[in-house]
Amino acid sequence: IGKNKFDIWDLYKHSFEDKNLEKITGLTINNKKYYLEV
C-alpha cells in the first residue's frame, strides 16, 4: 500500500506504512488456487 503516490503530509504517510491496510487471503474454488487482495 505504501507504493501508492500521495503528497499530502508525509508525516501521515509514514505513520500508515505499517498499519496493514490490506489483506491477502488464499481461496480454493473448484479445486483451483486463487489469491484475493482487498
PDB file of all heavy atoms in Angstrom:
ATOM      1  N   ILE A   1       0.823  -1.202   0.000  1.00  0.00           N
ATOM      2  CA  ILE A   1       0.000   0.000   0.000  1.00  0.00           C
ATOM      3  C   ILE A   1       0.863   1.260   0.000  1.00  0.00           C
ATOM      4  O   ILE A   1       0.488   2.304  -0.511  1.00  0.00           O
ATOM      5  CB  ILE A   1      -0.956  -0.007   1.226  1.00  0.00           C
ATOM      6  CG1 ILE A   1      -2.004   1.106   1.084  1.00  0.00           C
ATOM      7  CG2 ILE A   1      -0.185   0.172   2.500  1.00  0.00           C
ATOM      8  CD1 ILE A   1      -2.975   0.870  -0.016  1.00  0.00           C
ATOM      9  N   GLY A   2       2.108   1.169   0.588  1.00  0.00           N
ATOM     10  CA  GLY A   2       2.991   2.317   0.671  1.00  0.00           C
ATOM     11  C   GLY A   2       3.506   2.769  -0.670  1.00  0.00           C
ATOM     12  O   GLY A   2       4.101   3.843  -0.786  1.00  0.00           O
ATOM     13  N   LYS A   3       3.328   2.003  -1.737  1.00  0.00           N
ATOM     14  CA  LYS A   3       3.826   2.384  -3.046  1.00  0.00           C
ATOM     15  C   LYS A   3       2.894   3.361  -3.740  1.00  0.00           C
ATOM     16  O   LYS A   3       3.250   3.927  -4.763  1.00  0.00           O
ATOM     17  CB  LYS A   3       4.034   1.147  -3.915  1.00  0.00           C
ATOM     18  CG  LYS A   3       5.198   0.265  -3.448  1.00  0.00           C
ATOM     19  CD  LYS A   3       5.403  -0.872  -4.387  1.00  0.00           C
ATOM     20  CE  LYS A   3       6.573  -1.743  -3.938  1.00  0.00           C
ATOM     21  NZ  LYS A   3       7.851  -1.056  -4.037  1.00  0.00           N
ATOM     22  N   ASN A   4       1.664   3.521  -3.228  1.00  0.00           N
ATOM     23  CA  ASN A   4       0.744   4.486  -3.837  1.00  0.00           C
ATOM     24  C   ASN A   4       1.299   5.904  -3.649  1.00  0.00           C
ATOM     25  O   ASN A   4       1.779   6.249  -2.570  1.00  0.00           O
ATOM     26  CB  ASN A   4      -0.642   4.412  -3.186  1.00  0.00           C
ATOM     27  CG  ASN A   4      -1.310   3.085  -3.513  1.00  0.00           C
ATOM     28  OD1 ASN A   4      -0.944   2.432  -4.475  1.00  0.00           O
ATOM     29  ND2 ASN A   4      -2.260   2.708  -2.676  1.00  0.00           N
ATOM     30  N   LYS A   5       1.233   6.710  -4.686  1.00  0.00           N
ATOM     31  CA  LYS A   5       1.744   8.068  -4.608  1.00  0.00           C
ATOM     32  C   LYS A   5       0.687   8.989  -3.992  1.00  0.00           C
ATOM     33  O   LYS A   5      -0.440   9.011  -4.426  1.00  0.00           O
ATOM     34  CB  LYS A   5       2.116   8.561  -6.003  1.00  0.00           C
ATOM     35  CG  LYS A   5       3.344   7.877  -6.571  1.00  0.00           C
ATOM     36  CD  LYS A   5       3.734   8.509  -7.882  1.00  0.00           C
ATOM     37  CE  LYS A   5       5.003   7.868  -8.439  1.00  0.00           C
ATOM     38  NZ  LYS A   5       5.410   8.466  -9.704  1.00  0.00           N
ATOM     39  N   PHE A   6       1.154   9.730  -2.979  1.00  0.00           N
ATOM     40  CA  PHE A   6       0.258  10.695  -2.347  1.00  0.00           C
ATOM     41  C   PHE A   6       1.121  11.738  -1.637  1.00  0.00           C
ATOM     42  O   PHE A   6       2.038  11.388  -0.898  1.00  0.00           O
ATOM     43  CB  PHE A   6      -0.668   9.993  -1.348  1.00  0.00           C
ATOM     44  CG  PHE A   6      -1.681  10.917  -0.750  1.00  0.00           C
ATOM     45  CD1 PHE A   6      -2.658  11.507  -1.542  1.00  0.00           C
ATOM     46  CD2 PHE A   6      -1.657  11.219   0.595  1.00  0.00           C
ATOM     47  CE1 PHE A   6      -3.592  12.352  -1.008  1.00  0.00           C
ATOM     48  CE2 PHE A   6      -2.596  12.068   1.146  1.00  0.00           C
ATOM     49  CZ  PHE A   6      -3.559  12.635   0.354  1.00  0.00           C
ATOM     50  N   ASP A   7       0.910  12.993  -1.886  1.00  0.00           N
ATOM     51  CA  ASP A   7       1.824  14.028  -1.442  1.00  0.00           C
ATOM     52  C   ASP A   7       1.328  14.845  -0.255  1.00  0.00           C
ATOM     53  O   ASP A   7       1.950  15.831   0.105  1.00  0.00           O
ATOM     54  CB  ASP A   7       2.120  14.986  -2.602  1.00  0.00           C
ATOM     55  CG  ASP A   7       2.850  14.286  -3.724  1.00  0.00           C
ATOM     56  OD1 ASP A   7       3.599  13.351  -3.403  1.00  0.00           O
ATOM     57  OD2 ASP A   7       2.667  14.667  -4.887  1.00  0.00           O
ATOM     58  N   ILE A   8       0.188  14.490   0.347  1.00  0.00           N
ATOM     59  CA  ILE A   8      -0.348  15.288   1.465  1.00  0.00           C
ATOM     60  C   ILE A   8       0.241  14.782   2.772  1.00  0.00           C
ATOM     61  O   ILE A   8      -0.025  13.650   3.183  1.00  0.00           O
ATOM     62  CB  ILE A   8      -1.887  15.191   1.516  1.00  0.00           C
ATOM     63  CG1 ILE A   8      -2.484  15.720   0.208  1.00  0.00           C
ATOM     64  CG2 ILE A   8      -2.425  15.979   2.700  1.00  0.00           C
ATOM     65  CD1 ILE A   8      -3.982  15.607   0.150  1.00  0.00           C
ATOM     66  N   TRP A   9       1.044  15.622   3.377  1.00  0.00           N
ATOM     67  CA  TRP A   9       1.602  15.389   4.691  1.00  0.00           C
ATOM     68  C   TRP A   9       2.338  14.064   4.786  1.00  0.00           C
ATOM     69  O   TRP A   9       1.759  13.029   5.108  1.00  0.00           O
ATOM     70  CB  TRP A   9       0.518  15.470   5.775  1.00  0.00           C
ATOM     71  CG  TRP A   9      -0.022  16.856   5.955  1.00  0.00           C
ATOM     72  CD1 TRP A   9       0.171  17.903   5.126  1.00  0.00           C
ATOM     73  CD2 TRP A   9      -0.832  17.323   7.022  1.00  0.00           C
ATOM     74  NE1 TRP A   9      -0.467  19.012   5.593  1.00  0.00           N
ATOM     75  CE2 TRP A   9      -1.099  18.689   6.748  1.00  0.00           C
ATOM     76  CE3 TRP A   9      -1.380  16.740   8.158  1.00  0.00           C
ATOM     77  CZ2 TRP A   9      -1.866  19.455   7.588  1.00  0.00           C
ATOM     78  CZ3 TRP A   9      -2.146  17.505   8.987  1.00  0.00           C
ATOM     79  CH2 TRP A   9      -2.389  18.849   8.709  1.00  0.00           C
ATOM     80  N   ASP A  10       3.624  14.090   4.525  1.00  0.00           N
ATOM     81  CA  ASP A  10       4.451  12.883   4.624  1.00  0.00           C
ATOM     82  C   ASP A  10       4.401  12.267   6.016  1.00  0.00           C
ATOM     83  O   ASP A  10       4.563  11.068   6.184  1.00  0.00           O
ATOM     84  CB  ASP A  10       5.906  13.220   4.276  1.00  0.00           C
ATOM     85  CG  ASP A  10       6.069  13.492   2.795  1.00  0.00           C
ATOM     86  OD1 ASP A  10       5.205  13.038   2.037  1.00  0.00           O
ATOM     87  OD2 ASP A  10       7.042  14.167   2.418  1.00  0.00           O
ATOM     88  N   LEU A  11       4.166  13.116   7.014  1.00  0.00           N
ATOM     89  CA  LEU A  11       4.062  12.602   8.382  1.00  0.00           C
ATOM     90  C   LEU A  11       2.957  11.550   8.474  1.00  0.00           C
ATOM     91  O   LEU A  11       3.125  10.504   9.105  1.00  0.00           O
ATOM     92  CB  LEU A  11       3.781  13.755   9.350  1.00  0.00           C
ATOM     93  CG  LEU A  11       3.556  13.380  10.816  1.00  0.00           C
ATOM     94  CD1 LEU A  11       4.823  12.778  11.399  1.00  0.00           C
ATOM     95  CD2 LEU A  11       3.122  14.586  11.623  1.00  0.00           C
ATOM     96  N   TYR A  12       1.823  11.826   7.842  1.00  0.00           N
ATOM     97  CA  TYR A  12       0.722  10.878   7.863  1.00  0.00           C
ATOM     98  C   TYR A  12       1.062   9.646   7.032  1.00  0.00           C
ATOM     99  O   TYR A  12       0.775   8.522   7.423  1.00  0.00           O
ATOM    100  CB  TYR A  12      -0.542  11.544   7.313  1.00  0.00           C
ATOM    101  CG  TYR A  12      -1.316  12.306   8.373  1.00  0.00           C
ATOM    102  CD1 TYR A  12      -0.668  12.843   9.466  1.00  0.00           C
ATOM    103  CD2 TYR A  12      -2.688  12.473   8.267  1.00  0.00           C
ATOM    104  CE1 TYR A  12      -1.365  13.541  10.422  1.00  0.00           C
ATOM    105  CE2 TYR A  12      -3.397  13.173   9.232  1.00  0.00           C
ATOM    106  CZ  TYR A  12      -2.727  13.709  10.307  1.00  0.00           C
ATOM    107  OH  TYR A  12      -3.420  14.388  11.261  1.00  0.00           O
ATOM    108  N   LYS A  13       1.699   9.829   5.869  1.00  0.00           N
ATOM    109  CA  LYS A  13       2.036   8.688   5.000  1.00  0.00           C
ATOM    110  C   LYS A  13       2.907   7.690   5.739  1.00  0.00           C
ATOM    111  O   LYS A  13       2.644   6.490   5.749  1.00  0.00           O
ATOM    112  CB  LYS A  13       2.777   9.196   3.753  1.00  0.00           C
ATOM    113  CG  LYS A  13       1.877   9.783   2.686  1.00  0.00           C
ATOM    114  CD  LYS A  13       2.658  10.330   1.529  1.00  0.00           C
ATOM    115  CE  LYS A  13       3.498   9.233   0.889  1.00  0.00           C
ATOM    116  NZ  LYS A  13       4.209   9.728  -0.315  1.00  0.00           N
ATOM    117  N   HIS A  14       3.966   8.231   6.381  1.00  0.00           N
ATOM    118  CA  HIS A  14       4.892   7.337   7.064  1.00  0.00           C
ATOM    119  C   HIS A  14       4.224   6.643   8.246  1.00  0.00           C
ATOM    120  O   HIS A  14       4.555   5.497   8.570  1.00  0.00           O
ATOM    121  CB  HIS A  14       6.117   8.119   7.548  1.00  0.00           C
ATOM    122  CG  HIS A  14       6.932   8.686   6.425  1.00  0.00           C
ATOM    123  ND1 HIS A  14       7.242   7.977   5.290  1.00  0.00           N
ATOM    124  CD2 HIS A  14       7.485   9.921   6.267  1.00  0.00           C
ATOM    125  CE1 HIS A  14       7.966   8.732   4.473  1.00  0.00           C
ATOM    126  NE2 HIS A  14       8.119   9.918   5.035  1.00  0.00           N
ATOM    127  N   SER A  15       3.272   7.325   8.864  1.00  0.00           N
ATOM    128  CA  SER A  15       2.621   6.711  10.028  1.00  0.00           C
ATOM    129  C   SER A  15       1.687   5.573   9.633  1.00  0.00           C
ATOM    130  O   SER A  15       1.314   4.759  10.473  1.00  0.00           O
ATOM    131  CB  SER A  15       1.841   7.790  10.799  1.00  0.00           C
ATOM    132  OG  SER A  15       0.769   8.269  10.015  1.00  0.00           O
ATOM    133  N   PHE A  16       1.293   5.497   8.329  1.00  0.00           N
ATOM    134  CA  PHE A  16       0.365   4.449   7.894  1.00  0.00           C
ATOM    135  C   PHE A  16       1.054   3.302   7.180  1.00  0.00           C
ATOM    136  O   PHE A  16       0.423   2.336   6.792  1.00  0.00           O
ATOM    137  CB  PHE A  16      -0.704   5.038   6.952  1.00  0.00           C
ATOM    138  CG  PHE A  16      -1.631   5.993   7.647  1.00  0.00           C
ATOM    139  CD1 PHE A  16      -2.042   7.164   7.033  1.00  0.00           C
ATOM    140  CD2 PHE A  16      -2.070   5.721   8.931  1.00  0.00           C
ATOM    141  CE1 PHE A  16      -2.890   8.033   7.677  1.00  0.00           C
ATOM    142  CE2 PHE A  16      -2.915   6.598   9.575  1.00  0.00           C
ATOM    143  CZ  PHE A  16      -3.326   7.756   8.954  1.00  0.00           C
ATOM    144  N   GLU A  17       2.363   3.361   6.994  1.00  0.00           N
ATOM    145  CA  GLU A  17       3.037   2.338   6.205  1.00  0.00           C
ATOM    146  C   GLU A  17       3.022   0.977   6.888  1.00  0.00           C
ATOM    147  O   GLU A  17       3.130  -0.036   6.239  1.00  0.00           O
ATOM    148  CB  GLU A  17       4.472   2.779   5.916  1.00  0.00           C
ATOM    149  CG  GLU A  17       4.538   3.895   4.881  1.00  0.00           C
ATOM    150  CD  GLU A  17       5.972   4.303   4.586  1.00  0.00           C
ATOM    151  OE1 GLU A  17       6.869   3.795   5.279  1.00  0.00           O
ATOM    152  OE2 GLU A  17       6.173   5.122   3.675  1.00  0.00           O
ATOM    153  N   ASP A  18       2.926   0.951   8.190  1.00  0.00           N
ATOM    154  CA  ASP A  18       2.925  -0.339   8.913  1.00  0.00           C
ATOM    155  C   ASP A  18       1.576  -0.631   9.565  1.00  0.00           C
ATOM    156  O   ASP A  18       1.500  -1.364  10.541  1.00  0.00           O
ATOM    157  CB  ASP A  18       4.020  -0.333   9.983  1.00  0.00           C
ATOM    158  CG  ASP A  18       3.830   0.790  10.974  1.00  0.00           C
ATOM    159  OD1 ASP A  18       2.999   1.674  10.695  1.00  0.00           O
ATOM    160  OD2 ASP A  18       4.505   0.774  12.018  1.00  0.00           O
ATOM    161  N   LYS A  19       0.491  -0.048   9.026  1.00  0.00           N
ATOM    162  CA  LYS A  19      -0.825  -0.234   9.627  1.00  0.00           C
ATOM    163  C   LYS A  19      -1.603  -1.398   9.000  1.00  0.00           C
ATOM    164  O   LYS A  19      -2.718  -1.671   9.421  1.00  0.00           O
ATOM    165  CB  LYS A  19      -1.654   1.059   9.519  1.00  0.00           C
ATOM    166  CG  LYS A  19      -1.063   2.252  10.290  1.00  0.00           C
ATOM    167  CD  LYS A  19      -0.947   1.976  11.766  1.00  0.00           C
ATOM    168  CE  LYS A  19      -0.438   3.202  12.509  1.00  0.00           C
ATOM    169  NZ  LYS A  19      -0.289   2.942  13.958  1.00  0.00           N
ATOM    170  N   ASN A  20      -1.018  -2.063   7.995  1.00  0.00           N
ATOM    171  CA  ASN A  20      -1.663  -3.241   7.372  1.00  0.00           C
ATOM    172  C   ASN A  20      -3.072  -2.915   6.858  1.00  0.00           C
ATOM    173  O   ASN A  20      -4.055  -3.545   7.252  1.00  0.00           O
ATOM    174  CB  ASN A  20      -1.731  -4.408   8.357  1.00  0.00           C
ATOM    175  CG  ASN A  20      -0.338  -4.873   8.768  1.00  0.00           C
ATOM    176  OD1 ASN A  20       0.566  -4.913   7.936  1.00  0.00           O
ATOM    177  ND2 ASN A  20      -0.188  -5.232  10.030  1.00  0.00           N
ATOM    178  N   LEU A  21      -3.161  -1.901   5.981  1.00  0.00           N
ATOM    179  CA  LEU A  21      -4.455  -1.536   5.428  1.00  0.00           C
ATOM    180  C   LEU A  21      -4.764  -2.338   4.162  1.00  0.00           C
ATOM    181  O   LEU A  21      -5.425  -1.861   3.248  1.00  0.00           O
ATOM    182  CB  LEU A  21      -4.470  -0.037   5.127  1.00  0.00           C
ATOM    183  CG  LEU A  21      -4.313   0.870   6.351  1.00  0.00           C
ATOM    184  CD1 LEU A  21      -4.343   2.330   5.931  1.00  0.00           C
ATOM    185  CD2 LEU A  21      -5.385   0.601   7.382  1.00  0.00           C
ATOM    186  N   GLU A  22      -4.271  -3.565   4.102  1.00  0.00           N
ATOM    187  CA  GLU A  22      -4.583  -4.505   3.010  1.00  0.00           C
ATOM    188  C   GLU A  22      -4.559  -5.920   3.577  1.00  0.00           C
ATOM    189  O   GLU A  22      -3.907  -6.182   4.596  1.00  0.00           O
ATOM    190  CB  GLU A  22      -3.555  -4.374   1.882  1.00  0.00           C
ATOM    191  CG  GLU A  22      -2.146  -4.752   2.318  1.00  0.00           C
ATOM    192  CD  GLU A  22      -1.157  -4.749   1.165  1.00  0.00           C
ATOM    193  OE1 GLU A  22      -1.567  -4.408   0.053  1.00  0.00           O
ATOM    194  OE2 GLU A  22       0.000  -5.106   1.390  1.00  0.00           O
ATOM    195  N   LYS A  23      -5.315  -6.766   2.898  1.00  0.00           N
ATOM    196  CA  LYS A  23      -5.335  -8.174   3.319  1.00  0.00           C
ATOM    197  C   LYS A  23      -5.283  -9.059   2.079  1.00  0.00           C
ATOM    198  O   LYS A  23      -5.996  -8.804   1.098  1.00  0.00           O
ATOM    199  CB  LYS A  23      -6.584  -8.490   4.140  1.00  0.00           C
ATOM    200  CG  LYS A  23      -6.530  -7.949   5.558  1.00  0.00           C
ATOM    201  CD  LYS A  23      -7.655  -8.523   6.407  1.00  0.00           C
ATOM    202  CE  LYS A  23      -7.526  -8.051   7.850  1.00  0.00           C
ATOM    203  NZ  LYS A  23      -8.589  -8.626   8.702  1.00  0.00           N
ATOM    204  N   ILE A  24      -4.480 -10.086   2.116  1.00  0.00           N
ATOM    205  CA  ILE A  24      -4.361 -11.067   1.018  1.00  0.00           C
ATOM    206  C   ILE A  24      -4.674 -12.448   1.594  1.00  0.00           C
ATOM    207  O   ILE A  24      -4.020 -12.908   2.528  1.00  0.00           O
ATOM    208  CB  ILE A  24      -2.953 -11.056   0.413  1.00  0.00           C
ATOM    209  CG1 ILE A  24      -2.614  -9.644  -0.110  1.00  0.00           C
ATOM    210  CG2 ILE A  24      -2.838 -12.066  -0.706  1.00  0.00           C
ATOM    211  CD1 ILE A  24      -1.201  -9.498  -0.598  1.00  0.00           C
ATOM    212  N   THR A  25      -5.663 -13.052   1.035  1.00  0.00           N
ATOM    213  CA  THR A  25      -6.081 -14.383   1.511  1.00  0.00           C
ATOM    214  C   THR A  25      -6.113 -15.372   0.345  1.00  0.00           C
ATOM    215  O   THR A  25      -6.340 -14.984  -0.812  1.00  0.00           O
ATOM    216  CB  THR A  25      -7.476 -14.318   2.154  1.00  0.00           C
ATOM    217  OG1 THR A  25      -8.397 -13.772   1.206  1.00  0.00           O
ATOM    218  CG2 THR A  25      -7.464 -13.448   3.393  1.00  0.00           C
ATOM    219  N   GLY A  26      -5.855 -16.613   0.671  1.00  0.00           N
ATOM    220  CA  GLY A  26      -5.892 -17.657  -0.357  1.00  0.00           C
ATOM    221  C   GLY A  26      -7.271 -18.329  -0.416  1.00  0.00           C
ATOM    222  O   GLY A  26      -7.894 -18.579   0.622  1.00  0.00           O
ATOM    223  N   LEU A  27      -7.743 -18.620  -1.638  1.00  0.00           N
ATOM    224  CA  LEU A  27      -9.047 -19.243  -1.837  1.00  0.00           C
ATOM    225  C   LEU A  27      -8.874 -20.528  -2.653  1.00  0.00           C
ATOM    226  O   LEU A  27      -8.040 -20.567  -3.574  1.00  0.00           O
ATOM    227  CB  LEU A  27      -9.989 -18.299  -2.574  1.00  0.00           C
ATOM    228  CG  LEU A  27     -10.247 -16.908  -1.929  1.00  0.00           C
ATOM    229  CD1 LEU A  27     -11.139 -16.088  -2.850  1.00  0.00           C
ATOM    230  CD2 LEU A  27     -10.888 -17.048  -0.560  1.00  0.00           C
ATOM    231  N   THR A  28      -9.682 -21.518  -2.347  1.00  0.00           N
ATOM    232  CA  THR A  28      -9.708 -22.754  -3.153  1.00  0.00           C
ATOM    233  C   THR A  28     -11.116 -22.915  -3.685  1.00  0.00           C
ATOM    234  O   THR A  28     -12.073 -23.139  -2.930  1.00  0.00           O
ATOM    235  CB  THR A  28      -9.316 -23.983  -2.319  1.00  0.00           C
ATOM    236  OG1 THR A  28      -7.997 -23.754  -1.765  1.00  0.00           O
ATOM    237  CG2 THR A  28      -9.304 -25.226  -3.188  1.00  0.00           C
ATOM    238  N   ILE A  29     -11.238 -22.753  -5.013  1.00  0.00           N
ATOM    239  CA  ILE A  29     -12.554 -22.829  -5.656  1.00  0.00           C
ATOM    240  C   ILE A  29     -12.465 -23.846  -6.788  1.00  0.00           C
ATOM    241  O   ILE A  29     -11.621 -23.689  -7.688  1.00  0.00           O
ATOM    242  CB  ILE A  29     -12.988 -21.458  -6.217  1.00  0.00           C
ATOM    243  CG1 ILE A  29     -12.914 -20.382  -5.095  1.00  0.00           C
ATOM    244  CG2 ILE A  29     -14.379 -21.523  -6.796  1.00  0.00           C
ATOM    245  CD1 ILE A  29     -13.125 -18.982  -5.588  1.00  0.00           C
ATOM    246  N   ASN A  30     -13.347 -24.875  -6.722  1.00  0.00           N
ATOM    247  CA  ASN A  30     -13.327 -25.945  -7.741  1.00  0.00           C
ATOM    248  C   ASN A  30     -11.929 -26.520  -7.863  1.00  0.00           C
ATOM    249  O   ASN A  30     -11.414 -26.740  -8.968  1.00  0.00           O
ATOM    250  CB  ASN A  30     -13.805 -25.434  -9.104  1.00  0.00           C
ATOM    251  CG  ASN A  30     -15.279 -25.059  -9.086  1.00  0.00           C
ATOM    252  OD1 ASN A  30     -16.060 -25.613  -8.300  1.00  0.00           O
ATOM    253  ND2 ASN A  30     -15.685 -24.116  -9.945  1.00  0.00           N
ATOM    254  N   ASN A  31     -11.330 -26.748  -6.724  1.00  0.00           N
ATOM    255  CA  ASN A  31     -10.000 -27.348  -6.644  1.00  0.00           C
ATOM    256  C   ASN A  31      -8.914 -26.502  -7.322  1.00  0.00           C
ATOM    257  O   ASN A  31      -7.860 -27.022  -7.695  1.00  0.00           O
ATOM    258  CB  ASN A  31      -9.998 -28.755  -7.251  1.00  0.00           C
ATOM    259  CG  ASN A  31     -10.896 -29.697  -6.464  1.00  0.00           C
ATOM    260  OD1 ASN A  31     -10.947 -29.643  -5.234  1.00  0.00           O
ATOM    261  ND2 ASN A  31     -11.634 -30.558  -7.176  1.00  0.00           N
ATOM    262  N   LYS A  32      -9.205 -25.217  -7.467  1.00  0.00           N
ATOM    263  CA  LYS A  32      -8.207 -24.307  -8.033  1.00  0.00           C
ATOM    264  C   LYS A  32      -7.818 -23.257  -6.973  1.00  0.00           C
ATOM    265  O   LYS A  32      -8.659 -22.808  -6.215  1.00  0.00           O
ATOM    266  CB  LYS A  32      -8.750 -23.607  -9.270  1.00  0.00           C
ATOM    267  CG  LYS A  32      -8.958 -24.534 -10.455  1.00  0.00           C
ATOM    268  CD  LYS A  32      -9.463 -23.760 -11.659  1.00  0.00           C
ATOM    269  CE  LYS A  32      -9.666 -24.689 -12.860  1.00  0.00           C
ATOM    270  NZ  LYS A  32     -10.153 -23.940 -14.042  1.00  0.00           N
ATOM    271  N   LYS A  33      -6.538 -22.898  -7.002  1.00  0.00           N
ATOM    272  CA  LYS A  33      -5.997 -21.949  -6.012  1.00  0.00           C
ATOM    273  C   LYS A  33      -6.108 -20.532  -6.563  1.00  0.00           C
ATOM    274  O   LYS A  33      -5.718 -20.228  -7.689  1.00  0.00           O
ATOM    275  CB  LYS A  33      -4.524 -22.271  -5.727  1.00  0.00           C
ATOM    276  CG  LYS A  33      -3.926 -21.490  -4.583  1.00  0.00           C
ATOM    277  CD  LYS A  33      -4.495 -21.922  -3.231  1.00  0.00           C
ATOM    278  CE  LYS A  33      -3.787 -21.219  -2.077  1.00  0.00           C
ATOM    279  NZ  LYS A  33      -4.339 -21.608  -0.787  1.00  0.00           N
ATOM    280  N   TYR A  34      -6.646 -19.617  -5.718  1.00  0.00           N
ATOM    281  CA  TYR A  34      -6.749 -18.193  -6.064  1.00  0.00           C
ATOM    282  C   TYR A  34      -6.225 -17.350  -4.881  1.00  0.00           C
ATOM    283  O   TYR A  34      -6.173 -17.813  -3.731  1.00  0.00           O
ATOM    284  CB  TYR A  34      -8.204 -17.808  -6.353  1.00  0.00           C
ATOM    285  CG  TYR A  34      -8.770 -18.429  -7.600  1.00  0.00           C
ATOM    286  CD1 TYR A  34      -9.462 -19.645  -7.547  1.00  0.00           C
ATOM    287  CD2 TYR A  34      -8.635 -17.775  -8.834  1.00  0.00           C
ATOM    288  CE1 TYR A  34      -9.987 -20.214  -8.686  1.00  0.00           C
ATOM    289  CE2 TYR A  34      -9.166 -18.350  -9.985  1.00  0.00           C
ATOM    290  CZ  TYR A  34      -9.840 -19.555  -9.898  1.00  0.00           C
ATOM    291  OH  TYR A  34     -10.356 -20.123 -11.030  1.00  0.00           O
ATOM    292  N   TYR A  35      -5.862 -16.095  -5.212  1.00  0.00           N
ATOM    293  CA  TYR A  35      -5.458 -15.132  -4.185  1.00  0.00           C
ATOM    294  C   TYR A  35      -6.347 -13.901  -4.305  1.00  0.00           C
ATOM    295  O   TYR A  35      -6.479 -13.324  -5.382  1.00  0.00           O
ATOM    296  CB  TYR A  35      -3.994 -14.714  -4.352  1.00  0.00           C
ATOM    297  CG  TYR A  35      -3.015 -15.841  -4.154  1.00  0.00           C
ATOM    298  CD1 TYR A  35      -2.513 -16.542  -5.238  1.00  0.00           C
ATOM    299  CD2 TYR A  35      -2.614 -16.191  -2.863  1.00  0.00           C
ATOM    300  CE1 TYR A  35      -1.619 -17.582  -5.062  1.00  0.00           C
ATOM    301  CE2 TYR A  35      -1.713 -17.234  -2.682  1.00  0.00           C
ATOM    302  CZ  TYR A  35      -1.224 -17.928  -3.780  1.00  0.00           C
ATOM    303  OH  TYR A  35      -0.352 -18.957  -3.591  1.00  0.00           O
ATOM    304  N   LEU A  36      -6.891 -13.488  -3.159  1.00  0.00           N
ATOM    305  CA  LEU A  36      -7.753 -12.313  -3.127  1.00  0.00           C
ATOM    306  C   LEU A  36      -7.083 -11.223  -2.267  1.00  0.00           C
ATOM    307  O   LEU A  36      -6.777 -11.449  -1.090  1.00  0.00           O
ATOM    308  CB  LEU A  36      -9.123 -12.653  -2.541  1.00  0.00           C
ATOM    309  CG  LEU A  36     -10.095 -11.461  -2.384  1.00  0.00           C
ATOM    310  CD1 LEU A  36     -10.462 -10.881  -3.755  1.00  0.00           C
ATOM    311  CD2 LEU A  36     -11.345 -11.896  -1.622  1.00  0.00           C
ATOM    312  N   GLU A  37      -6.878 -10.077  -2.896  1.00  0.00           N
ATOM    313  CA  GLU A  37      -6.289  -8.933  -2.182  1.00  0.00           C
ATOM    314  C   GLU A  37      -7.345  -7.848  -2.056  1.00  0.00           C
ATOM    315  O   GLU A  37      -7.906  -7.391  -3.058  1.00  0.00           O
ATOM    316  CB  GLU A  37      -5.088  -8.371  -2.910  1.00  0.00           C
ATOM    317  CG  GLU A  37      -4.470  -7.173  -2.178  1.00  0.00           C
ATOM    318  CD  GLU A  37      -3.937  -6.120  -3.121  1.00  0.00           C
ATOM    319  OE1 GLU A  37      -4.701  -5.668  -4.008  1.00  0.00           O
ATOM    320  OE2 GLU A  37      -2.789  -5.746  -2.968  1.00  0.00           O
ATOM    321  N   VAL A  38      -7.669  -7.468  -0.822  1.00  0.00           N
ATOM    322  CA  VAL A  38      -8.571  -6.341  -0.575  1.00  0.00           C
ATOM    323  C   VAL A  38      -7.764  -5.262   0.155  1.00  0.00           C
ATOM    324  O   VAL A  38      -6.924  -5.573   1.010  1.00  0.00           O
ATOM    325  CB  VAL A  38      -9.800  -6.761   0.259  1.00  0.00           C
ATOM    326  CG1 VAL A  38     -10.701  -7.674  -0.533  1.00  0.00           C
ATOM    327  CG2 VAL A  38      -9.383  -7.400   1.580  1.00  0.00           C
TER     328      VAL A  38
END
